[in-house]
Amino acid sequence: ASAERGGGPPLRGPTGAFFLSPKNAAPSGQDRGPKPPYGVTVIGDDDTESEHMRVKVNPRFPVPPRPKLKHMDHWDLIVAFDGFKYKQENDGFQNVGRANAHSKFRATLDQQMDEINTLREQEAEERRRERDDMLAAMEENRRLKEAEEAAQEAQRIRVKDITDEMLQGIEARRQREKDRVKREEQQMTAWLENEKRRKQEEDRRLAKEHAQKCEQAKAEMLAAIEDAKRRKKAREEAEKAYVAEQQKGMDDKEAANRAAVQARMDQIERNCATVGADIAARDAKAERELQEKVRRVQEEADRAAKEDAERRKSEHDRKTRAMLASLDEQCKQRDVQARADKVENTKQAQRFKEEYEAGLAKDRAEAEARRLARSKLDETLVDQMRAQLQVHPRNFGITCTTQQTDVAYNQALFEHMRSEGFLPDLTGQILSHGPHRGKRDPFPSVGRYEGPIHPAEMQEVDAAIVG
């Protein structure tokens, strides 16, 4: 029987389970019994190749196509053993009796179908639990992703608000500085205009006062000259009247004594000459005194005006120097403040730049982490797809653990197969696939003690002490 069933090496699935290749499981053409439902094919193992395929594809994540033929697993081995036993029983059916064999076989099939249905229900329940767990995990991942995106959006809005507020503060400070500079410029311009206007008014007032003083001095001088001329004219008229009176008296007496008149005329001439010299000297002296007085008044006015101008000029120069010194100090303070503001703005800009670069680095790190997580998720999903697509739908769910459990449950049946010589190589490999994980131990939770035993525990108990 083992020679008819084929002796090729078994296949190991992607989950670690053993499968028999269809060419190794093909039954003999002389089998008279019904063909069991395990893989039978006349083509090779690789049914994904095509002679008409000429397209060469190098996918990033290659995924194999789902196999069209089912490989033989341990359940198919049981079915094959059942067919093998059926052949043996059918050979002896002629001697034993068809009715008893049918009833016995029907009972066996019913028992097997019950076991298969139970296993199918367990597998369906396991798939439902896996689907529920997967949906719950997807929902949790979606919730976490939405929460993370909401937190990132809130952080971005908060950073934008803070940046806008800082920029508005900087712009308001710059505008205040511009207004202050403009206000100071207007104040300085107004002060200079006021100083210029005051200086012009002061110059006009001084010029007016000087002109008034000059006019007054000129009027006084003209009045003094007119008074001197009037007095001179009065004196001359008095002198002429006196001379005329004297001359009349002398004319009256001329007839009496011409010699006396001539003598008197001589005397009068001498007197007139003397009086004119005195009057001329007196008028020259008065003229000189008037001119000296005018000169002194003019010099005093010029000196007072010059002193007042010098005083005003020194006062203006003093105020101008004080103003320039104050402006220099203000300019220095503004330069110092501007340098300090520039340094502070540079530090603040550097701090903003560092925070911005840190934010970008954090965003890049988070994006890289998401990309790596998505890449790992893609790799995991592709691995799952590969693992699932490599398995035939009827072999789906048969893993190394489940196969070990199934073999442990049916170990007696597989040992019976090997004892009867049914595919001894394959049954031996399946039995040695792995430990049975305690499914047949009477106390699976308590392991066997394999450590050293103390000599006191190995002493025999005295019967007298026990009694």
Protein backbone atom coordinates (compact mmCIF):
# COMPACT_ATOMS: atom_id res chain seq x y z
CA ALA A 1 0.00 0.00 0.00
CA SER A 2 2.87 2.42 0.80
CA ALA A 3 4.43 1.68 -2.57
CA GLU A 4 1.18 2.46 -4.33
CA ARG A 5 0.71 5.76 -2.45
CA GLY A 6 4.04 7.17 -3.53
CA GLY A 7 7.25 7.77 -1.53
CA GLY A 8 8.23 11.36 -2.38
CA PRO A 9 9.23 13.87 0.34
CA PRO A 10 6.42 15.81 2.03
CA LEU A 11 6.00 19.55 1.65
CA ARG A 12 6.13 22.08 4.54
CA GLY A 13 3.57 24.90 4.35
CA PRO A 14 4.21 28.62 5.17
CA THR A 15 2.87 28.05 8.70
CA GLY A 16 5.13 25.07 9.43
CA ALA A 17 2.52 22.34 8.71
CA PHE A 18 3.38 19.25 6.62
CA PHE A 19 1.59 18.65 3.30
CA LEU A 20 1.94 15.83 0.80
CA SER A 21 2.56 16.77 -2.81
CA PRO A 22 -0.28 15.82 -5.18
CA LYS A 23 2.05 13.70 -7.34
CA ASN A 24 3.09 11.79 -4.22
CA ALA A 25 -0.55 11.35 -3.16
CA ALA A 26 -1.90 10.12 -6.51
CA PRO A 27 -3.51 6.67 -5.99
CA SER A 28 -2.85 3.70 -8.21
CA GLY A 29 -4.88 3.28 -11.38
CA GLN A 30 -5.88 -0.22 -10.21
CA ASP A 31 -7.68 1.14 -7.12
CA ARG A 32 -11.19 -0.32 -7.23
CA GLY A 33 -12.59 1.82 -4.41
CA PRO A 34 -13.96 5.38 -4.65
CA LYS A 35 -11.31 8.06 -5.06
CA PRO A 36 -10.77 10.02 -1.80
CA PRO A 37 -11.12 13.88 -1.92
CA TYR A 38 -7.44 14.72 -1.74
CA GLY A 39 -5.21 16.33 -4.38
CA VAL A 40 -4.86 14.34 -7.60
CA THR A 41 -3.22 16.00 -10.61
CA VAL A 42 -1.22 15.15 -13.71
CA ILE A 43 0.65 18.51 -13.90
CA GLY A 44 3.61 19.79 -11.92
CA ASP A 45 3.60 21.42 -8.51
CA ASP A 46 3.77 24.96 -9.92
CA ASP A 47 0.41 25.65 -11.55
CA THR A 48 1.02 29.43 -11.79
CA GLU A 49 3.24 29.27 -14.85
CA SER A 50 1.92 29.76 -18.38
CA GLU A 51 3.58 29.04 -21.69
CA HIS A 52 1.92 32.15 -23.18
CA MET A 53 3.21 34.52 -20.46
CA ARG A 54 5.75 36.92 -21.92
CA VAL A 55 5.45 39.85 -19.51
CA LYS A 56 8.25 40.20 -16.97
CA VAL A 57 7.09 41.93 -13.79
CA ASN A 58 9.30 42.95 -10.88
CA PRO A 59 6.82 43.99 -8.21
CA ARG A 60 7.89 45.73 -5.02
CA PHE A 61 5.93 43.29 -2.88
CA PRO A 62 5.58 40.07 -4.90
CA VAL A 63 2.56 38.06 -3.84
CA PRO A 64 2.17 34.52 -5.14
CA PRO A 65 -1.15 33.50 -6.69
CA ARG A 66 -3.46 31.27 -4.76
CA PRO A 67 -2.83 27.58 -5.58
CA LYS A 68 -5.54 25.97 -7.64
CA LEU A 69 -4.88 22.48 -6.30
CA LYS A 70 -5.11 21.44 -2.69
CA HIS A 71 -2.07 19.78 -1.13
CA MET A 72 -2.53 16.76 0.99
CA ASP A 73 -2.51 17.44 4.76
CA HIS A 74 -2.91 15.19 7.80
CA TRP A 75 -6.69 15.18 7.37
CA ASP A 76 -6.27 14.03 3.76
CA LEU A 77 -3.89 11.40 5.10
CA ILE A 78 -6.64 10.21 7.42
CA VAL A 79 -9.08 10.16 4.48
CA ALA A 80 -6.51 8.27 2.38
CA PHE A 81 -6.04 5.82 5.24
CA ASP A 82 -9.80 5.53 5.36
CA GLY A 83 -9.82 4.70 1.64
CA PHE A 84 -7.02 2.25 2.19
CA LYS A 85 -8.97 0.57 4.99
CA TYR A 86 -12.07 0.65 2.81
CA LYS A 87 -10.20 -1.24 0.14
CA GLN A 88 -9.14 -3.83 2.67
CA GLU A 89 -12.62 -4.09 4.09
CA ASN A 90 -14.14 -4.20 0.61
CA ASP A 91 -11.84 -7.07 -0.24
CA GLY A 92 -13.14 -8.93 2.81
CA PHE A 93 -16.69 -7.78 2.32
CA GLN A 94 -17.56 -10.78 0.25
CA ASN A 95 -16.80 -13.04 3.20
CA VAL A 96 -18.08 -10.97 6.13
CA GLY A 97 -21.39 -9.60 4.86
CA ARG A 98 -22.44 -6.39 3.22
CA ALA A 99 -25.07 -5.30 5.72
CA ASN A 100 -22.84 -5.37 8.79
CA ALA A 101 -20.05 -3.67 6.91
CA HIS A 102 -22.39 -0.95 5.69
CA SER A 103 -23.75 -0.25 9.17
CA LYS A 104 -20.29 -0.23 10.70
CA PHE A 105 -18.95 2.00 7.95
CA ARG A 106 -21.93 4.37 8.22
CA ALA A 107 -21.38 4.68 11.98
CA THR A 108 -17.72 5.40 11.42
CA LEU A 109 -18.52 7.99 8.75
CA ASP A 110 -21.13 9.64 10.97
CA GLN A 111 -18.63 9.86 13.79
CA GLN A 112 -16.02 11.32 11.47
CA MET A 113 -18.51 13.79 10.01
CA ASP A 114 -19.46 14.89 13.51
CA GLU A 115 -15.81 15.45 14.30
CA ILE A 116 -15.29 17.32 11.01
CA ASN A 117 -18.36 19.49 11.62
CA THR A 118 -17.17 20.24 15.13
CA LEU A 119 -13.76 21.21 13.78
CA ARG A 120 -15.36 23.36 11.06
CA GLU A 121 -17.51 25.15 13.63
CA GLN A 122 -14.44 25.75 15.79
CA GLU A 123 -12.55 27.09 12.78
CA ALA A 124 -15.47 29.35 11.81
CA GLU A 125 -15.73 30.66 15.38
CA GLU A 126 -11.97 31.27 15.43
CA ARG A 127 -12.22 33.17 12.13
CA ARG A 128 -15.11 35.25 13.49
CA ARG A 129 -13.10 36.09 16.61
CA GLU A 130 -10.08 37.01 14.48
CA ARG A 131 -12.30 39.21 12.27
CA ASP A 132 -13.82 40.93 15.33
CA ASP A 133 -10.35 41.50 16.81
CA MET A 134 -9.11 42.87 13.49
CA LEU A 135 -12.10 45.24 13.17
CA ALA A 136 -11.64 46.40 16.78
CA ALA A 137 -7.93 46.99 16.14
CA MET A 138 -8.73 48.92 12.94
CA GLU A 139 -11.29 51.05 14.77
CA GLU A 140 -8.82 51.75 17.59
CA ASN A 141 -6.12 52.67 15.08
CA ARG A 142 -8.55 54.98 13.27
CA ARG A 143 -9.53 56.63 16.56
CA LEU A 144 -5.89 57.08 17.58
CA LYS A 145 -5.04 58.48 14.14
CA GLU A 146 -7.93 60.99 14.30
CA ALA A 147 -6.92 62.03 17.83
CA GLU A 148 -3.31 62.47 16.70
CA GLU A 149 -4.35 64.49 13.66
CA ALA A 150 -6.64 66.66 15.84
CA ALA A 151 -3.80 67.24 18.32
CA GLN A 152 -1.42 68.13 15.46
CA GLU A 153 -3.96 70.54 13.96
CA ALA A 154 -4.55 72.19 17.37
CA GLN A 155 -0.77 72.48 17.88
CA ARG A 156 -0.36 74.02 14.42
CA ILE A 157 -3.17 76.53 15.06
CA ARG A 158 -1.71 77.40 18.47
CA VAL A 159 1.77 77.95 17.01
CA LYS A 160 0.27 80.06 14.20
CA ASP A 161 -1.69 82.19 16.71
CA ILE A 162 1.40 82.71 18.87
CA THR A 163 3.46 83.65 15.79
CA ASP A 164 0.80 86.07 14.57
CA GLU A 165 0.56 87.66 18.01
CA MET A 166 4.35 88.05 18.19
CA LEU A 167 4.47 89.55 14.70
CA GLN A 168 1.67 91.98 15.62
CA GLY A 169 3.57 92.97 18.78
CA ILE A 170 6.75 93.57 16.79
CA GLU A 171 4.85 95.58 14.17
CA ALA A 172 3.10 97.64 16.90
CA ARG A 173 6.47 98.34 18.59
CA ARG A 174 7.98 99.39 15.27
CA GLN A 175 4.99 101.64 14.57
CA ARG A 176 5.27 103.23 18.03
CA GLU A 177 8.98 103.84 17.44
CA LYS A 178 8.21 105.45 14.08
CA ASP A 179 5.49 107.62 15.67
CA ARG A 180 7.84 108.65 18.47
CA VAL A 181 10.61 109.57 15.99
CA LYS A 182 8.13 111.48 13.85
CA ARG A 183 6.71 113.25 16.90
CA GLU A 184 10.19 114.25 18.08
CA GLU A 185 11.02 115.43 14.56
CA GLN A 186 7.85 117.52 14.48
CA GLN A 187 8.59 118.92 17.94
CA MET A 188 12.16 119.81 16.93
CA THR A 189 10.93 121.35 13.66
CA ALA A 190 8.31 123.37 15.54
CA TRP A 191 10.92 124.46 18.11
CA LEU A 192 13.32 125.55 15.38
CA GLU A 193 10.52 127.39 13.60
CA ASN A 194 9.55 129.09 16.86
CA GLU A 195 13.19 130.01 17.53
CA LYS A 196 13.57 131.38 14.02
CA ARG A 197 10.34 133.34 14.32
CA ARG A 198 11.29 134.61 17.79
CA LYS A 199 14.75 135.60 16.50
CA GLN A 200 13.21 137.45 13.59
CA GLU A 201 10.75 139.20 15.86
CA GLU A 202 13.58 140.05 18.29
CA ASP A 203 15.72 141.37 15.45
CA ARG A 204 12.80 143.42 14.17
CA ARG A 205 12.14 144.76 17.67
CA LEU A 206 15.83 145.60 18.20
CA ALA A 207 16.01 147.22 14.78
CA LYS A 208 12.85 149.15 15.55
CA GLU A 209 14.20 150.25 18.93
CA HIS A 210 17.51 151.19 17.31
CA ALA A 211 15.67 153.14 14.61
CA GLN A 212 13.53 154.82 17.26
CA LYS A 213 16.62 155.74 19.26
CA CYS A 214 18.33 157.03 16.13
CA GLU A 215 15.22 159.01 15.19
CA GLN A 216 14.97 160.35 18.72
CA ALA A 217 18.65 161.32 18.73
CA LYS A 218 18.29 162.85 15.29
CA ALA A 219 15.16 164.73 16.40
CA GLU A 220 16.90 165.93 19.55
CA MET A 221 19.92 166.97 17.50
CA LEU A 222 17.72 168.82 14.96
CA ALA A 223 15.77 170.41 17.82
CA ALA A 224 19.05 171.49 19.44
CA ILE A 225 20.28 172.89 16.09
CA GLU A 226 16.95 174.69 15.51
CA ASP A 227 17.06 176.06 19.07
CA ALA A 228 20.63 177.22 18.55
CA LYS A 229 19.67 178.83 15.25
CA ARG A 230 16.65 180.45 16.86
CA ARG A 231 18.71 181.75 19.78
CA LYS A 232 21.40 182.89 17.36
CA LYS A 233 18.80 184.65 15.25
CA ALA A 234 17.27 186.21 18.37
CA ARG A 235 20.68 187.36 19.49
CA GLU A 236 21.45 188.72 16.07
CA GLU A 237 18.13 190.53 15.97
CA ALA A 238 18.70 191.83 19.48
CA GLU A 239 22.15 192.88 18.48
CA LYS A 240 20.84 194.51 15.31
CA ALA A 241 18.14 196.26 17.36
CA TYR A 242 20.70 197.35 19.85
CA VAL A 243 23.02 198.44 17.10
CA ALA A 244 20.18 200.22 15.39
CA GLU A 245 19.27 201.98 18.64
CA GLN A 246 22.87 202.87 19.23
CA GLN A 247 23.23 204.00 15.67
CA LYS A 248 20.06 206.08 15.92
CA GLY A 249 21.35 207.66 19.07
CA MET A 250 24.64 208.35 17.45
CA ASP A 251 22.91 209.67 14.34
CA ASP A 252 20.93 211.95 16.55
CA LYS A 253 24.11 213.14 18.15
CA GLU A 254 26.01 213.19 14.84
CA ALA A 255 24.99 216.56 14.08
CA ALA A 256 26.25 217.79 17.39
CA ASN A 257 29.56 216.31 17.24
CA ARG A 258 30.69 214.33 14.16
CA ALA A 259 33.98 213.68 15.76
CA ALA A 260 32.31 212.34 18.79
CA VAL A 261 30.10 210.25 16.51
CA GLN A 262 33.10 209.02 14.63
CA ALA A 263 34.74 208.15 17.86
CA ARG A 264 31.66 206.41 19.00
CA MET A 265 31.38 204.65 15.68
CA ASP A 266 34.83 203.39 16.12
CA GLN A 267 33.96 202.35 19.58
CA ILE A 268 30.83 200.62 18.29
CA GLU A 269 32.80 198.84 15.66
CA ARG A 270 35.24 197.66 18.24
CA ASN A 271 32.34 196.62 20.48
CA CYS A 272 30.60 194.74 17.65
CA ALA A 273 33.78 192.93 16.78
CA THR A 274 34.25 191.87 20.34
CA VAL A 275 30.58 190.84 20.84
CA GLY A 276 30.56 188.79 17.56
CA ALA A 277 33.64 186.91 18.59
CA ASP A 278 32.03 186.11 21.93
CA ILE A 279 28.80 185.09 20.28
CA ALA A 280 30.61 182.92 17.67
CA ALA A 281 32.69 181.31 20.39
CA ARG A 282 29.56 180.71 22.44
CA ASP A 283 27.68 179.24 19.41
CA ALA A 284 30.65 177.03 18.48
CA LYS A 285 30.86 175.82 22.03
CA ALA A 286 27.11 175.05 22.11
CA GLU A 287 27.43 173.26 18.75
CA ARG A 288 30.35 171.25 19.99
CA GLU A 289 28.48 170.36 23.20
CA LEU A 290 25.41 169.34 21.20
CA GLN A 291 27.44 167.18 18.83
CA GLU A 292 29.33 165.65 21.77
CA LYS A 293 26.02 164.94 23.48
CA VAL A 294 24.60 163.38 20.30
CA ARG A 295 27.82 161.37 19.88
CA ARG A 296 27.65 160.16 23.50
CA VAL A 297 23.94 159.27 23.16
CA GLN A 298 24.66 157.43 19.88
CA GLU A 299 27.66 155.60 21.36
CA GLU A 300 25.66 154.70 24.49
CA ALA A 301 22.79 153.39 22.34
CA ASP A 302 25.21 151.47 20.10
CA ARG A 303 27.01 150.06 23.13
CA ALA A 304 23.72 149.02 24.79
CA ALA A 305 22.45 147.51 21.56
CA LYS A 306 25.76 145.72 21.02
CA GLU A 307 25.80 144.40 24.57
CA ASP A 308 22.17 143.28 24.28
CA ALA A 309 22.90 141.62 20.94
CA GLU A 310 25.96 139.90 22.38
CA ARG A 311 23.95 138.83 25.43
CA ARG A 312 21.15 137.49 23.23
CA LYS A 313 23.65 135.81 20.90
CA SER A 314 25.47 134.18 23.84
CA GLU A 315 22.12 133.08 25.32
CA HIS A 316 21.04 131.69 21.94
CA ASP A 317 24.38 129.96 21.47
CA ARG A 318 24.14 128.51 24.99
CA LYS A 319 20.62 127.20 24.33
CA THR A 320 21.68 125.88 20.91
CA ARG A 321 24.68 124.08 22.45
CA ALA A 322 22.44 122.63 25.20
CA MET A 323 19.91 121.55 22.58
CA LEU A 324 22.62 119.96 20.39
CA ALA A 325 24.10 118.23 23.43
CA SER A 326 20.62 116.97 24.36
CA LEU A 327 20.04 115.83 20.78
CA ASP A 328 23.44 114.11 20.72
CA GLU A 329 22.58 112.35 23.99
CA GLN A 330 19.19 111.35 22.62
CA CYS A 331 20.80 110.10 19.40
CA LYS A 332 23.32 108.10 21.43
CA GLN A 333 20.54 106.67 23.57
CA ARG A 334 18.55 105.82 20.45
CA ASP A 335 21.61 104.17 18.91
CA VAL A 336 22.19 102.16 22.10
CA GLN A 337 18.51 101.23 22.27
CA ALA A 338 18.50 100.38 18.56
CA ARG A 339 21.55 98.13 18.99
CA ALA A 340 19.96 96.49 22.02
CA ASP A 341 16.68 96.04 20.11
CA LYS A 342 18.60 94.65 17.15
CA VAL A 343 20.43 92.15 19.39
CA GLU A 344 17.17 91.21 21.10
CA ASN A 345 15.39 90.87 17.76
CA THR A 346 18.26 88.75 16.46
CA LYS A 347 18.07 86.51 19.52
CA GLN A 348 14.30 86.32 19.21
CA ALA A 349 14.55 85.56 15.48
CA GLN A 350 17.17 82.88 16.25
CA ARG A 351 14.88 81.46 18.95
CA PHE A 352 11.94 81.49 16.53
CA LYS A 353 14.12 79.87 13.88
CA GLU A 354 15.27 77.17 16.31
CA GLU A 355 11.68 76.53 17.42
CA TYR A 356 10.58 76.45 13.79
CA GLU A 357 13.40 74.05 12.84
CA ALA A 358 12.64 71.92 15.91
CA GLY A 359 8.98 71.85 14.85
CA LEU A 360 9.98 70.89 11.30
CA ALA A 361 12.35 68.20 12.64
CA LYS A 362 9.58 66.89 14.88
CA ASP A 363 7.15 66.89 11.96
CA ARG A 364 9.72 65.12 9.78
CA ALA A 365 10.40 62.60 12.55
CA GLU A 366 6.68 62.00 13.01
CA ALA A 367 6.20 61.72 9.25
CA GLU A 368 9.17 59.33 9.06
CA ALA A 369 7.76 57.33 11.99
CA ARG A 370 4.38 57.18 10.25
CA ARG A 371 6.05 56.19 7.02
CA LEU A 372 8.06 53.45 8.76
CA ALA A 373 4.94 52.31 10.62
CA ARG A 374 3.02 52.23 7.33
CA SER A 375 5.92 50.42 5.66
CA LYS A 376 6.00 47.86 8.48
CA LEU A 377 2.23 47.55 8.27
CA ASP A 378 2.48 47.04 4.49
CA GLU A 379 5.19 44.44 4.97
CA THR A 380 3.15 42.70 7.67
CA LEU A 381 0.02 42.74 5.51
CA VAL A 382 1.98 41.54 2.47
CA ASP A 383 3.48 38.75 4.60
CA GLN A 384 -0.03 37.86 5.75
CA MET A 385 -1.23 37.91 2.14
CA ARG A 386 1.70 35.73 1.10
CA ALA A 387 1.08 33.32 3.97
CA GLN A 388 -2.64 33.19 3.22
CA LEU A 389 -2.41 33.06 -0.58
CA GLN A 390 0.14 30.25 -0.51
CA VAL A 391 -2.40 28.06 1.23
CA HIS A 392 -5.34 26.50 -0.53
CA PRO A 393 -8.70 27.64 0.87
CA ARG A 394 -9.38 24.14 2.09
CA ASN A 395 -6.00 24.11 3.86
CA PHE A 396 -6.55 27.53 5.42
CA GLY A 397 -6.26 27.52 9.22
CA ILE A 398 -3.93 24.49 9.33
CA THR A 399 -0.88 25.84 11.15
CA CYS A 400 1.97 24.13 12.88
CA THR A 401 0.25 24.51 16.28
CA THR A 402 -3.15 23.34 15.10
CA GLN A 403 -1.54 20.44 13.25
CA GLN A 404 0.36 19.46 16.39
CA THR A 405 -2.88 19.66 18.36
CA ASP A 406 -4.80 17.63 15.76
CA VAL A 407 -2.01 15.06 15.61
CA ALA A 408 -1.96 14.92 19.41
CA TYR A 409 -5.74 14.40 19.45
CA ASN A 410 -5.49 11.67 16.80
CA GLN A 411 -2.14 10.27 17.79
CA ALA A 412 -3.63 6.85 18.33
CA LEU A 413 -5.00 6.87 14.77
CA PHE A 414 -1.65 7.90 13.26
CA GLU A 415 0.17 5.30 15.34
CA HIS A 416 -2.35 2.76 14.05
CA MET A 417 -1.52 3.88 10.47
CA ARG A 418 2.17 3.40 11.08
CA SER A 419 1.61 0.02 12.73
CA GLU A 420 -0.32 -1.15 9.68
CA GLY A 421 2.41 0.10 7.33
CA PHE A 422 0.41 2.90 5.68
CA LEU A 423 2.93 5.48 4.32
CA PRO A 424 5.35 4.86 7.21
CA ASP A 425 7.72 7.73 6.21
CA LEU A 426 4.97 10.36 6.17
CA THR A 427 3.18 9.09 9.28
CA GLY A 428 6.51 8.90 11.13
CA GLN A 429 7.35 12.52 10.19
CA ILE A 430 3.90 13.73 11.23
CA LEU A 431 4.16 11.89 14.57
CA SER A 432 7.62 13.42 15.12
CA HIS A 433 6.46 16.87 14.01
CA GLY A 434 6.59 18.14 17.59
CA PRO A 435 5.53 17.44 21.16
CA HIS A 436 1.86 16.99 21.80
CA ARG A 437 1.80 19.93 24.25
CA GLY A 438 0.29 17.92 27.08
CA LYS A 439 -3.04 17.17 25.40
CA ARG A 440 -2.82 13.56 26.53
CA ASP A 441 -1.27 14.11 29.94
CA PRO A 442 -3.60 13.38 32.87
CA PHE A 443 -2.18 16.43 34.77
CA PRO A 444 -1.02 18.90 32.09
CA SER A 445 -0.64 21.82 34.51
CA VAL A 446 1.94 19.97 36.66
CA GLY A 447 5.17 19.15 34.89
CA ARG A 448 7.29 16.12 35.58
CA TYR A 449 9.97 16.74 38.24
CA GLU A 450 13.40 15.97 36.84
CA GLY A 451 15.62 17.57 39.49
CA PRO A 452 17.73 15.92 42.19
CA ILE A 453 16.02 14.10 45.07
CA HIS A 454 17.25 14.54 48.61
CA PRO A 455 18.48 11.30 50.29
CA ALA A 456 16.09 11.85 53.22
CA GLU A 457 13.16 11.52 50.82
CA MET A 458 14.42 8.16 49.64
CA GLN A 459 14.56 6.55 53.13
CA GLU A 460 12.09 3.85 53.88
CA VAL A 461 9.56 4.51 56.63
CA ASP A 462 9.67 2.17 59.61
CA ALA A 463 6.40 0.24 59.96
CA ALA A 464 6.58 0.43 63.77
CA ILE A 465 6.82 4.23 63.67
CA VAL A 466 3.86 4.41 61.29
CA GLY A 467 1.77 2.06 63.59
